[in-house]
Amino acid sequence: MIIFRITMDVLPQKQKEVMQTLLSMTETAGREKGCLSYEVLFQMDGETAIHLMEEWENREDLERHIRSERFSVLLGTKSLLAKPLEMKIHTVSHSEGTEAVNIIRGK
């Protein structure tokens, strides 16, 4: 699994515009081949940072997404940001679920 995390430090006066762009993208992003999840996360403490968390089945699917027109729209928001997008790609080789947490907690 591949996790792609994007952090956007949005100019305060441009938050609504960026939000509208991101919400329009989330409607179809989850239907892309190989997309396991696509989430937009906001800071609750009044910060202007917005985080996109995407999960992909494999690197090829993520690369197709990065070359897409949809991703170009995201890159087009750079004039609405206080600083450049921060993007990180994480490769996950193993995941555990609730069972692991229960074992750790002795349940």
PDB file of N, CA and C in Angstrom:
ATOM      1  N   MET A   1       0.852  -1.170   0.000  1.00  0.00           N
ATOM      2  CA  MET A   1       0.000   0.000   0.000  1.00  0.00           C
ATOM      3  C   MET A   1       0.899   1.234   0.000  1.00  0.00           C
ATOM      4  N   ILE A   2       0.429   2.269  -0.673  1.00  0.00           N
ATOM      5  CA  ILE A   2       1.134   3.545  -0.752  1.00  0.00           C
ATOM      6  C   ILE A   2       0.265   4.613  -0.097  1.00  0.00           C
ATOM      7  N   ILE A   3       0.858   5.403   0.784  1.00  0.00           N
ATOM      8  CA  ILE A   3       0.157   6.536   1.386  1.00  0.00           C
ATOM      9  C   ILE A   3       0.793   7.808   0.846  1.00  0.00           C
ATOM     10  N   PHE A   4      -0.027   8.675   0.298  1.00  0.00           N
ATOM     11  CA  PHE A   4       0.421   9.942  -0.265  1.00  0.00           C
ATOM     12  C   PHE A   4      -0.187  11.043   0.588  1.00  0.00           C
ATOM     13  N   ARG A   5       0.667  11.818   1.238  1.00  0.00           N
ATOM     14  CA  ARG A   5       0.202  12.883   2.136  1.00  0.00           C
ATOM     15  C   ARG A   5       0.613  14.229   1.559  1.00  0.00           C
ATOM     16  N   ILE A   6      -0.356  15.115   1.459  1.00  0.00           N
ATOM     17  CA  ILE A   6      -0.109  16.462   0.944  1.00  0.00           C
ATOM     18  C   ILE A   6      -0.558  17.453   2.013  1.00  0.00           C
ATOM     19  N   THR A   7       0.317  18.382   2.349  1.00  0.00           N
ATOM     20  CA  THR A   7      -0.020  19.422   3.312  1.00  0.00           C
ATOM     21  C   THR A   7      -0.035  20.756   2.580  1.00  0.00           C
ATOM     22  N   MET A   8      -1.124  21.488   2.786  1.00  0.00           N
ATOM     23  CA  MET A   8      -1.302  22.787   2.147  1.00  0.00           C
ATOM     24  C   MET A   8      -1.449  23.843   3.243  1.00  0.00           C
ATOM     25  N   ASP A   9      -0.581  24.834   3.243  1.00  0.00           N
ATOM     26  CA  ASP A   9      -0.695  25.947   4.176  1.00  0.00           C
ATOM     27  C   ASP A   9      -1.395  27.077   3.418  1.00  0.00           C
ATOM     28  N   VAL A  10      -2.697  27.154   3.602  1.00  0.00           N
ATOM     29  CA  VAL A  10      -3.554  28.033   2.800  1.00  0.00           C
ATOM     30  C   VAL A  10      -3.554  29.458   3.353  1.00  0.00           C
ATOM     31  N   LEU A  11      -3.504  30.430   2.448  1.00  0.00           N
ATOM     32  CA  LEU A  11      -3.662  31.817   2.860  1.00  0.00           C
ATOM     33  C   LEU A  11      -5.050  31.966   3.479  1.00  0.00           C
ATOM     34  N   PRO A  12      -5.164  32.642   4.634  1.00  0.00           N
ATOM     35  CA  PRO A  12      -6.462  32.728   5.329  1.00  0.00           C
ATOM     36  C   PRO A  12      -7.603  33.226   4.447  1.00  0.00           C
ATOM     37  N   GLN A  13      -7.361  34.202   3.620  1.00  0.00           N
ATOM     38  CA  GLN A  13      -8.412  34.764   2.768  1.00  0.00           C
ATOM     39  C   GLN A  13      -8.764  33.863   1.582  1.00  0.00           C
ATOM     40  N   LYS A  14      -8.017  32.779   1.386  1.00  0.00           N
ATOM     41  CA  LYS A  14      -8.255  31.872   0.256  1.00  0.00           C
ATOM     42  C   LYS A  14      -8.777  30.511   0.683  1.00  0.00           C
ATOM     43  N   GLN A  15      -9.079  30.342   1.969  1.00  0.00           N
ATOM     44  CA  GLN A  15      -9.518  29.039   2.472  1.00  0.00           C
ATOM     45  C   GLN A  15     -10.783  28.537   1.778  1.00  0.00           C
ATOM     46  N   LYS A  16     -11.758  29.383   1.600  1.00  0.00           N
ATOM     47  CA  LYS A  16     -13.013  28.958   0.976  1.00  0.00           C
ATOM     48  C   LYS A  16     -12.773  28.469  -0.444  1.00  0.00           C
ATOM     49  N   GLU A  17     -11.946  29.180  -1.183  1.00  0.00           N
ATOM     50  CA  GLU A  17     -11.649  28.803  -2.561  1.00  0.00           C
ATOM     51  C   GLU A  17     -10.939  27.451  -2.634  1.00  0.00           C
ATOM     52  N   VAL A  18      -9.975  27.250  -1.753  1.00  0.00           N
ATOM     53  CA  VAL A  18      -9.260  25.968  -1.724  1.00  0.00           C
ATOM     54  C   VAL A  18     -10.208  24.852  -1.308  1.00  0.00           C
ATOM     55  N   MET A  19     -11.049  25.103  -0.316  1.00  0.00           N
ATOM     56  CA  MET A  19     -12.018  24.106   0.138  1.00  0.00           C
ATOM     57  C   MET A  19     -12.937  23.671  -0.997  1.00  0.00           C
ATOM     58  N   GLN A  20     -13.436  24.621  -1.765  1.00  0.00           N
ATOM     59  CA  GLN A  20     -14.328  24.286  -2.877  1.00  0.00           C
ATOM     60  C   GLN A  20     -13.606  23.434  -3.902  1.00  0.00           C
ATOM     61  N   THR A  21     -12.352  23.751  -4.175  1.00  0.00           N
ATOM     62  CA  THR A  21     -11.559  22.965  -5.123  1.00  0.00           C
ATOM     63  C   THR A  21     -11.384  21.541  -4.621  1.00  0.00           C
ATOM     64  N   LEU A  22     -11.008  21.403  -3.351  1.00  0.00           N
ATOM     65  CA  LEU A  22     -10.779  20.066  -2.785  1.00  0.00           C
ATOM     66  C   LEU A  22     -12.056  19.250  -2.719  1.00  0.00           C
ATOM     67  N   LEU A  23     -13.145  19.863  -2.331  1.00  0.00           N
ATOM     68  CA  LEU A  23     -14.408  19.131  -2.257  1.00  0.00           C
ATOM     69  C   LEU A  23     -14.857  18.654  -3.629  1.00  0.00           C
ATOM     70  N   SER A  24     -14.628  19.451  -4.654  1.00  0.00           N
ATOM     71  CA  SER A  24     -14.993  19.020  -6.011  1.00  0.00           C
ATOM     72  C   SER A  24     -14.131  17.840  -6.450  1.00  0.00           C
ATOM     73  N   MET A  25     -12.903  17.778  -5.960  1.00  0.00           N
ATOM     74  CA  MET A  25     -12.002  16.685  -6.325  1.00  0.00           C
ATOM     75  C   MET A  25     -12.344  15.394  -5.593  1.00  0.00           C
ATOM     76  N   THR A  26     -12.811  15.485  -4.358  1.00  0.00           N
ATOM     77  CA  THR A  26     -13.055  14.277  -3.577  1.00  0.00           C
ATOM     78  C   THR A  26     -14.227  13.459  -4.104  1.00  0.00           C
ATOM     79  N   GLU A  27     -15.133  14.105  -4.810  1.00  0.00           N
ATOM     80  CA  GLU A  27     -16.295  13.382  -5.337  1.00  0.00           C
ATOM     81  C   GLU A  27     -15.895  12.268  -6.291  1.00  0.00           C
ATOM     82  N   THR A  28     -14.860  12.504  -7.080  1.00  0.00           N
ATOM     83  CA  THR A  28     -14.464  11.499  -8.069  1.00  0.00           C
ATOM     84  C   THR A  28     -13.143  10.806  -7.747  1.00  0.00           C
ATOM     85  N   ALA A  29     -12.372  11.342  -6.833  1.00  0.00           N
ATOM     86  CA  ALA A  29     -11.052  10.773  -6.542  1.00  0.00           C
ATOM     87  C   ALA A  29     -11.139   9.331  -6.078  1.00  0.00           C
ATOM     88  N   GLY A  30     -12.084   9.023  -5.239  1.00  0.00           N
ATOM     89  CA  GLY A  30     -12.209   7.672  -4.711  1.00  0.00           C
ATOM     90  C   GLY A  30     -12.585   6.625  -5.739  1.00  0.00           C
ATOM     91  N   ARG A  31     -12.983   7.080  -6.914  1.00  0.00           N
ATOM     92  CA  ARG A  31     -13.346   6.134  -7.980  1.00  0.00           C
ATOM     93  C   ARG A  31     -12.199   5.835  -8.928  1.00  0.00           C
ATOM     94  N   GLU A  32     -11.043   6.466  -8.705  1.00  0.00           N
ATOM     95  CA  GLU A  32      -9.895   6.195  -9.565  1.00  0.00           C
ATOM     96  C   GLU A  32      -9.383   4.782  -9.316  1.00  0.00           C
ATOM     97  N   LYS A  33      -8.887   4.153 -10.363  1.00  0.00           N
ATOM     98  CA  LYS A  33      -8.342   2.800 -10.243  1.00  0.00           C
ATOM     99  C   LYS A  33      -7.231   2.782  -9.195  1.00  0.00           C
ATOM    100  N   GLY A  34      -7.364   1.885  -8.234  1.00  0.00           N
ATOM    101  CA  GLY A  34      -6.336   1.701  -7.220  1.00  0.00           C
ATOM    102  C   GLY A  34      -6.449   2.605  -6.011  1.00  0.00           C
ATOM    103  N   CYS A  35      -7.395   3.531  -6.003  1.00  0.00           N
ATOM    104  CA  CYS A  35      -7.554   4.431  -4.858  1.00  0.00           C
ATOM    105  C   CYS A  35      -8.321   3.711  -3.752  1.00  0.00           C
ATOM    106  N   LEU A  36      -7.691   3.552  -2.604  1.00  0.00           N
ATOM    107  CA  LEU A  36      -8.318   2.900  -1.466  1.00  0.00           C
ATOM    108  C   LEU A  36      -9.047   3.901  -0.583  1.00  0.00           C
ATOM    109  N   SER A  37      -8.499   5.110  -0.465  1.00  0.00           N
ATOM    110  CA  SER A  37      -9.169   6.181   0.271  1.00  0.00           C
ATOM    111  C   SER A  37      -8.573   7.520  -0.128  1.00  0.00           C
ATOM    112  N   TYR A  38      -9.378   8.566   0.057  1.00  0.00           N
ATOM    113  CA  TYR A  38      -8.985   9.933  -0.296  1.00  0.00           C
ATOM    114  C   TYR A  38      -9.695  10.835   0.704  1.00  0.00           C
ATOM    115  N   GLU A  39      -8.937  11.405   1.631  1.00  0.00           N
ATOM    116  CA  GLU A  39      -9.541  12.178   2.710  1.00  0.00           C
ATOM    117  C   GLU A  39      -8.939  13.568   2.793  1.00  0.00           C
ATOM    118  N   VAL A  40      -9.785  14.537   3.106  1.00  0.00           N
ATOM    119  CA  VAL A  40      -9.357  15.912   3.351  1.00  0.00           C
ATOM    120  C   VAL A  40      -9.490  16.153   4.847  1.00  0.00           C
ATOM    121  N   LEU A  41      -8.395  16.573   5.483  1.00  0.00           N
ATOM    122  CA  LEU A  41      -8.373  16.787   6.932  1.00  0.00           C
ATOM    123  C   LEU A  41      -8.041  18.243   7.227  1.00  0.00           C
ATOM    124  N   PHE A  42      -8.710  18.794   8.236  1.00  0.00           N
ATOM    125  CA  PHE A  42      -8.528  20.190   8.609  1.00  0.00           C
ATOM    126  C   PHE A  42      -8.069  20.282  10.049  1.00  0.00           C
ATOM    127  N   GLN A  43      -7.304  21.305  10.355  1.00  0.00           N
ATOM    128  CA  GLN A  43      -6.885  21.587  11.717  1.00  0.00           C
ATOM    129  C   GLN A  43      -8.080  22.114  12.496  1.00  0.00           C
ATOM    130  N   MET A  44      -8.245  21.703  13.718  1.00  0.00           N
ATOM    131  CA  MET A  44      -9.356  22.163  14.548  1.00  0.00           C
ATOM    132  C   MET A  44      -8.978  23.379  15.391  1.00  0.00           C
ATOM    133  N   ASP A  45      -7.706  23.715  15.409  1.00  0.00           N
ATOM    134  CA  ASP A  45      -7.249  24.798  16.280  1.00  0.00           C
ATOM    135  C   ASP A  45      -7.124  26.144  15.574  1.00  0.00           C
ATOM    136  N   GLY A  46      -7.793  26.307  14.447  1.00  0.00           N
ATOM    137  CA  GLY A  46      -7.764  27.580  13.737  1.00  0.00           C
ATOM    138  C   GLY A  46      -6.602  27.735  12.777  1.00  0.00           C
ATOM    139  N   GLU A  47      -5.724  26.737  12.713  1.00  0.00           N
ATOM    140  CA  GLU A  47      -4.629  26.784  11.753  1.00  0.00           C
ATOM    141  C   GLU A  47      -5.192  26.736  10.338  1.00  0.00           C
ATOM    142  N   THR A  48      -4.417  27.192   9.386  1.00  0.00           N
ATOM    143  CA  THR A  48      -4.889  27.219   8.000  1.00  0.00           C
ATOM    144  C   THR A  48      -4.400  26.020   7.197  1.00  0.00           C
ATOM    145  N   ALA A  49      -3.757  25.063   7.848  1.00  0.00           N
ATOM    146  CA  ALA A  49      -3.250  23.887   7.140  1.00  0.00           C
ATOM    147  C   ALA A  49      -4.385  22.930   6.791  1.00  0.00           C
ATOM    148  N   ILE A  50      -4.308  22.400   5.590  1.00  0.00           N
ATOM    149  CA  ILE A  50      -5.226  21.370   5.117  1.00  0.00           C
ATOM    150  C   ILE A  50      -4.358  20.194   4.689  1.00  0.00           C
ATOM    151  N   HIS A  51      -4.780  18.992   5.061  1.00  0.00           N
ATOM    152  CA  HIS A  51      -4.017  17.791   4.728  1.00  0.00           C
ATOM    153  C   HIS A  51      -4.866  16.885   3.839  1.00  0.00           C
ATOM    154  N   LEU A  52      -4.272  16.382   2.796  1.00  0.00           N
ATOM    155  CA  LEU A  52      -4.896  15.347   1.973  1.00  0.00           C
ATOM    156  C   LEU A  52      -4.180  14.051   2.294  1.00  0.00           C
ATOM    157  N   MET A  53      -4.951  13.024   2.592  1.00  0.00           N
ATOM    158  CA  MET A  53      -4.393  11.702   2.852  1.00  0.00           C
ATOM    159  C   MET A  53      -4.993  10.746   1.834  1.00  0.00           C
ATOM    160  N   GLU A  54      -4.138  10.208   0.997  1.00  0.00           N
ATOM    161  CA  GLU A  54      -4.588   9.281  -0.037  1.00  0.00           C
ATOM    162  C   GLU A  54      -3.931   7.927   0.195  1.00  0.00           C
ATOM    163  N   GLU A  55      -4.681   6.860  -0.007  1.00  0.00           N
ATOM    164  CA  GLU A  55      -4.135   5.509   0.063  1.00  0.00           C
ATOM    165  C   GLU A  55      -4.332   4.855  -1.296  1.00  0.00           C
ATOM    166  N   TRP A  56      -3.266   4.240  -1.788  1.00  0.00           N
ATOM    167  CA  TRP A  56      -3.275   3.622  -3.117  1.00  0.00           C
ATOM    168  C   TRP A  56      -2.822   2.182  -3.024  1.00  0.00           C
ATOM    169  N   GLU A  57      -3.386   1.348  -3.883  1.00  0.00           N
ATOM    170  CA  GLU A  57      -3.014  -0.070  -3.904  1.00  0.00           C
ATOM    171  C   GLU A  57      -1.549  -0.259  -4.241  1.00  0.00           C
ATOM    172  N   ASN A  58      -1.043   0.524  -5.206  1.00  0.00           N
ATOM    173  CA  ASN A  58       0.339   0.357  -5.633  1.00  0.00           C
ATOM    174  C   ASN A  58       0.884   1.655  -6.230  1.00  0.00           C
ATOM    175  N   ARG A  59       2.166   1.662  -6.471  1.00  0.00           N
ATOM    176  CA  ARG A  59       2.864   2.851  -6.973  1.00  0.00           C
ATOM    177  C   ARG A  59       2.364   3.254  -8.363  1.00  0.00           C
ATOM    178  N   GLU A  60       2.069   2.290  -9.210  1.00  0.00           N
ATOM    179  CA  GLU A  60       1.613   2.581 -10.564  1.00  0.00           C
ATOM    180  C   GLU A  60       0.303   3.372 -10.561  1.00  0.00           C
ATOM    181  N   ASP A  61      -0.624   2.975  -9.696  1.00  0.00           N
ATOM    182  CA  ASP A  61      -1.898   3.687  -9.599  1.00  0.00           C
ATOM    183  C   ASP A  61      -1.684   5.115  -9.090  1.00  0.00           C
ATOM    184  N   LEU A  62      -0.805   5.278  -8.105  1.00  0.00           N
ATOM    185  CA  LEU A  62      -0.500   6.615  -7.600  1.00  0.00           C
ATOM    186  C   LEU A  62       0.129   7.469  -8.697  1.00  0.00           C
ATOM    187  N   GLU A  63       1.056   6.909  -9.444  1.00  0.00           N
ATOM    188  CA  GLU A  63       1.711   7.674 -10.507  1.00  0.00           C
ATOM    189  C   GLU A  63       0.714   8.100 -11.586  1.00  0.00           C
ATOM    190  N   ARG A  64      -0.240   7.240 -11.904  1.00  0.00           N
ATOM    191  CA  ARG A  64      -1.289   7.598 -12.868  1.00  0.00           C
ATOM    192  C   ARG A  64      -2.086   8.793 -12.335  1.00  0.00           C
ATOM    193  N   HIS A  65      -2.401   8.755 -11.045  1.00  0.00           N
ATOM    194  CA  HIS A  65      -3.134   9.849 -10.403  1.00  0.00           C
ATOM    195  C   HIS A  65      -2.325  11.156 -10.464  1.00  0.00           C
ATOM    196  N   ILE A  66      -1.034  11.079 -10.173  1.00  0.00           N
ATOM    197  CA  ILE A  66      -0.189  12.272 -10.178  1.00  0.00           C
ATOM    198  C   ILE A  66      -0.091  12.879 -11.575  1.00  0.00           C
ATOM    199  N   ARG A  67      -0.174  12.065 -12.607  1.00  0.00           N
ATOM    200  CA  ARG A  67      -0.128  12.576 -13.991  1.00  0.00           C
ATOM    201  C   ARG A  67      -1.495  13.066 -14.480  1.00  0.00           C
ATOM    202  N   SER A  68      -2.545  12.879 -13.678  1.00  0.00           N
ATOM    203  CA  SER A  68      -3.907  13.179 -14.127  1.00  0.00           C
ATOM    204  C   SER A  68      -4.214  14.677 -14.146  1.00  0.00           C
ATOM    205  N   GLU A  69      -5.265  15.011 -14.873  1.00  0.00           N
ATOM    206  CA  GLU A  69      -5.762  16.386 -14.918  1.00  0.00           C
ATOM    207  C   GLU A  69      -6.242  16.825 -13.535  1.00  0.00           C
ATOM    208  N   ARG A  70      -6.852  15.919 -12.802  1.00  0.00           N
ATOM    209  CA  ARG A  70      -7.347  16.219 -11.451  1.00  0.00           C
ATOM    210  C   ARG A  70      -6.204  16.690 -10.557  1.00  0.00           C
ATOM    211  N   PHE A  71      -5.067  16.009 -10.639  1.00  0.00           N
ATOM    212  CA  PHE A  71      -3.925  16.394  -9.820  1.00  0.00           C
ATOM    213  C   PHE A  71      -3.363  17.731 -10.294  1.00  0.00           C
ATOM    214  N   SER A  72      -3.431  18.004 -11.575  1.00  0.00           N
ATOM    215  CA  SER A  72      -2.996  19.305 -12.098  1.00  0.00           C
ATOM    216  C   SER A  72      -3.814  20.432 -11.489  1.00  0.00           C
ATOM    217  N   VAL A  73      -5.107  20.181 -11.273  1.00  0.00           N
ATOM    218  CA  VAL A  73      -5.966  21.183 -10.630  1.00  0.00           C
ATOM    219  C   VAL A  73      -5.457  21.451  -9.217  1.00  0.00           C
ATOM    220  N   LEU A  74      -5.103  20.424  -8.503  1.00  0.00           N
ATOM    221  CA  LEU A  74      -4.558  20.590  -7.154  1.00  0.00           C
ATOM    222  C   LEU A  74      -3.281  21.426  -7.193  1.00  0.00           C
ATOM    223  N   LEU A  75      -2.391  21.116  -8.113  1.00  0.00           N
ATOM    224  CA  LEU A  75      -1.149  21.880  -8.227  1.00  0.00           C
ATOM    225  C   LEU A  75      -1.427  23.335  -8.589  1.00  0.00           C
ATOM    226  N   GLY A  76      -2.547  23.586  -9.257  1.00  0.00           N
ATOM    227  CA  GLY A  76      -2.927  24.937  -9.644  1.00  0.00           C
ATOM    228  C   GLY A  76      -3.329  25.825  -8.477  1.00  0.00           C
ATOM    229  N   THR A  77      -3.480  25.242  -7.287  1.00  0.00           N
ATOM    230  CA  THR A  77      -3.851  26.047  -6.120  1.00  0.00           C
ATOM    231  C   THR A  77      -2.648  26.755  -5.501  1.00  0.00           C
ATOM    232  N   LYS A  78      -1.467  26.602  -6.081  1.00  0.00           N
ATOM    233  CA  LYS A  78      -0.256  27.136  -5.448  1.00  0.00           C
ATOM    234  C   LYS A  78      -0.314  28.640  -5.189  1.00  0.00           C
ATOM    235  N   SER A  79      -1.052  29.390  -5.996  1.00  0.00           N
ATOM    236  CA  SER A  79      -1.149  30.835  -5.771  1.00  0.00           C
ATOM    237  C   SER A  79      -2.037  31.162  -4.565  1.00  0.00           C
ATOM    238  N   LEU A  80      -2.731  30.165  -4.032  1.00  0.00           N
ATOM    239  CA  LEU A  80      -3.619  30.356  -2.889  1.00  0.00           C
ATOM    240  C   LEU A  80      -2.963  29.933  -1.571  1.00  0.00           C
ATOM    241  N   LEU A  81      -1.698  29.553  -1.661  1.00  0.00           N
ATOM    242  CA  LEU A  81      -0.996  29.004  -0.500  1.00  0.00           C
ATOM    243  C   LEU A  81       0.053  29.971   0.044  1.00  0.00           C
ATOM    244  N   ALA A  82       0.299  29.870   1.342  1.00  0.00           N
ATOM    245  CA  ALA A  82       1.312  30.702   1.986  1.00  0.00           C
ATOM    246  C   ALA A  82       2.720  30.186   1.706  1.00  0.00           C
ATOM    247  N   LYS A  83       2.826  28.887   1.424  1.00  0.00           N
ATOM    248  CA  LYS A  83       4.117  28.288   1.073  1.00  0.00           C
ATOM    249  C   LYS A  83       3.856  27.090   0.164  1.00  0.00           C
ATOM    250  N   PRO A  84       4.864  26.574  -0.507  1.00  0.00           N
ATOM    251  CA  PRO A  84       4.651  25.459  -1.441  1.00  0.00           C
ATOM    252  C   PRO A  84       4.038  24.223  -0.769  1.00  0.00           C
ATOM    253  N   LEU A  85       3.316  23.447  -1.581  1.00  0.00           N
ATOM    254  CA  LEU A  85       2.771  22.180  -1.109  1.00  0.00           C
ATOM    255  C   LEU A  85       3.884  21.311  -0.540  1.00  0.00           C
ATOM    256  N   GLU A  86       3.575  20.613   0.540  1.00  0.00           N
ATOM    257  CA  GLU A  86       4.500  19.613   1.066  1.00  0.00           C
ATOM    258  C   GLU A  86       3.905  18.259   0.710  1.00  0.00           C
ATOM    259  N   MET A  87       4.654  17.453  -0.030  1.00  0.00           N
ATOM    260  CA  MET A  87       4.150  16.160  -0.475  1.00  0.00           C
ATOM    261  C   MET A  87       5.102  15.056  -0.031  1.00  0.00           C
ATOM    262  N   LYS A  88       4.528  13.982   0.514  1.00  0.00           N
ATOM    263  CA  LYS A  88       5.318  12.836   0.943  1.00  0.00           C
ATOM    264  C   LYS A  88       4.633  11.558   0.501  1.00  0.00           C
ATOM    265  N   ILE A  89       5.440  10.636  -0.017  1.00  0.00           N
ATOM    266  CA  ILE A  89       4.949   9.324  -0.425  1.00  0.00           C
ATOM    267  C   ILE A  89       5.542   8.297   0.538  1.00  0.00           C
ATOM    268  N   HIS A  90       4.662   7.517   1.177  1.00  0.00           N
ATOM    269  CA  HIS A  90       5.090   6.494   2.135  1.00  0.00           C
ATOM    270  C   HIS A  90       4.696   5.119   1.585  1.00  0.00           C
ATOM    271  N   THR A  91       5.638   4.209   1.590  1.00  0.00           N
ATOM    272  CA  THR A  91       5.367   2.842   1.179  1.00  0.00           C
ATOM    273  C   THR A  91       5.177   2.001   2.437  1.00  0.00           C
ATOM    274  N   VAL A  92       4.020   1.350   2.536  1.00  0.00           N
ATOM    275  CA  VAL A  92       3.687   0.550   3.709  1.00  0.00           C
ATOM    276  C   VAL A  92       3.796  -0.921   3.322  1.00  0.00           C
ATOM    277  N   SER A  93       4.629  -1.643   4.029  1.00  0.00           N
ATOM    278  CA  SER A  93       4.809  -3.057   3.702  1.00  0.00           C
ATOM    279  C   SER A  93       3.925  -3.967   4.542  1.00  0.00           C
ATOM    280  N   HIS A  94       3.406  -3.437   5.655  1.00  0.00           N
ATOM    281  CA  HIS A  94       2.624  -4.284   6.548  1.00  0.00           C
ATOM    282  C   HIS A  94       1.670  -3.403   7.344  1.00  0.00           C
ATOM    283  N   SER A  95       0.447  -3.842   7.497  1.00  0.00           N
ATOM    284  CA  SER A  95      -0.536  -3.123   8.303  1.00  0.00           C
ATOM    285  C   SER A  95      -1.192  -4.087   9.283  1.00  0.00           C
ATOM    286  N   GLU A  96      -1.556  -3.590  10.455  1.00  0.00           N
ATOM    287  CA  GLU A  96      -2.258  -4.383  11.444  1.00  0.00           C
ATOM    288  C   GLU A  96      -3.512  -3.636  11.860  1.00  0.00           C
ATOM    289  N   GLY A  97      -4.478  -4.357  12.356  1.00  0.00           N
ATOM    290  CA  GLY A  97      -5.748  -3.762  12.725  1.00  0.00           C
ATOM    291  C   GLY A  97      -6.053  -3.853  14.201  1.00  0.00           C
ATOM    292  N   THR A  98      -7.333  -3.877  14.500  1.00  0.00           N
ATOM    293  CA  THR A  98      -7.831  -3.890  15.874  1.00  0.00           C
ATOM    294  C   THR A  98      -7.272  -5.067  16.673  1.00  0.00           C
ATOM    295  N   GLU A  99      -7.109  -6.203  16.023  1.00  0.00           N
ATOM    296  CA  GLU A  99      -6.602  -7.374  16.722  1.00  0.00           C
ATOM    297  C   GLU A  99      -5.254  -7.084  17.369  1.00  0.00           C
ATOM    298  N   ALA A 100      -4.378  -6.399  16.653  1.00  0.00           N
ATOM    299  CA  ALA A 100      -3.055  -6.069  17.183  1.00  0.00           C
ATOM    300  C   ALA A 100      -3.164  -5.153  18.389  1.00  0.00           C
ATOM    301  N   VAL A 101      -4.050  -4.183  18.326  1.00  0.00           N
ATOM    302  CA  VAL A 101      -4.254  -3.263  19.452  1.00  0.00           C
ATOM    303  C   VAL A 101      -4.766  -4.022  20.673  1.00  0.00           C
ATOM    304  N   ASN A 102      -5.703  -4.935  20.438  1.00  0.00           N
ATOM    305  CA  ASN A 102      -6.244  -5.735  21.545  1.00  0.00           C
ATOM    306  C   ASN A 102      -5.153  -6.605  22.197  1.00  0.00           C
ATOM    307  N   ILE A 103      -4.290  -7.178  21.393  1.00  0.00           N
ATOM    308  CA  ILE A 103      -3.184  -7.990  21.930  1.00  0.00           C
ATOM    309  C   ILE A 103      -2.247  -7.123  22.755  1.00  0.00           C
ATOM    310  N   ILE A 104      -1.911  -5.962  22.238  1.00  0.00           N
ATOM    311  CA  ILE A 104      -1.017  -5.036  22.951  1.00  0.00           C
ATOM    312  C   ILE A 104      -1.615  -4.615  24.285  1.00  0.00           C
ATOM    313  N   ARG A 105      -2.926  -4.397  24.291  1.00  0.00           N
ATOM    314  CA  ARG A 105      -3.616  -3.969  25.509  1.00  0.00           C
ATOM    315  C   ARG A 105      -3.949  -5.141  26.431  1.00  0.00           C
ATOM    316  N   GLY A 106      -3.605  -6.366  26.014  1.00  0.00           N
ATOM    317  CA  GLY A 106      -3.839  -7.538  26.850  1.00  0.00           C
ATOM    318  C   GLY A 106      -5.270  -7.983  26.881  1.00  0.00           C
ATOM    319  N   LYS A 107      -6.016  -7.732  25.850  1.00  0.00           N
ATOM    320  CA  LYS A 107      -7.442  -8.116  25.803  1.00  0.00           C
ATOM    321  C   LYS A 107      -7.639  -9.302  24.889  1.00  0.00           C
TER     322      LYS A 107
END
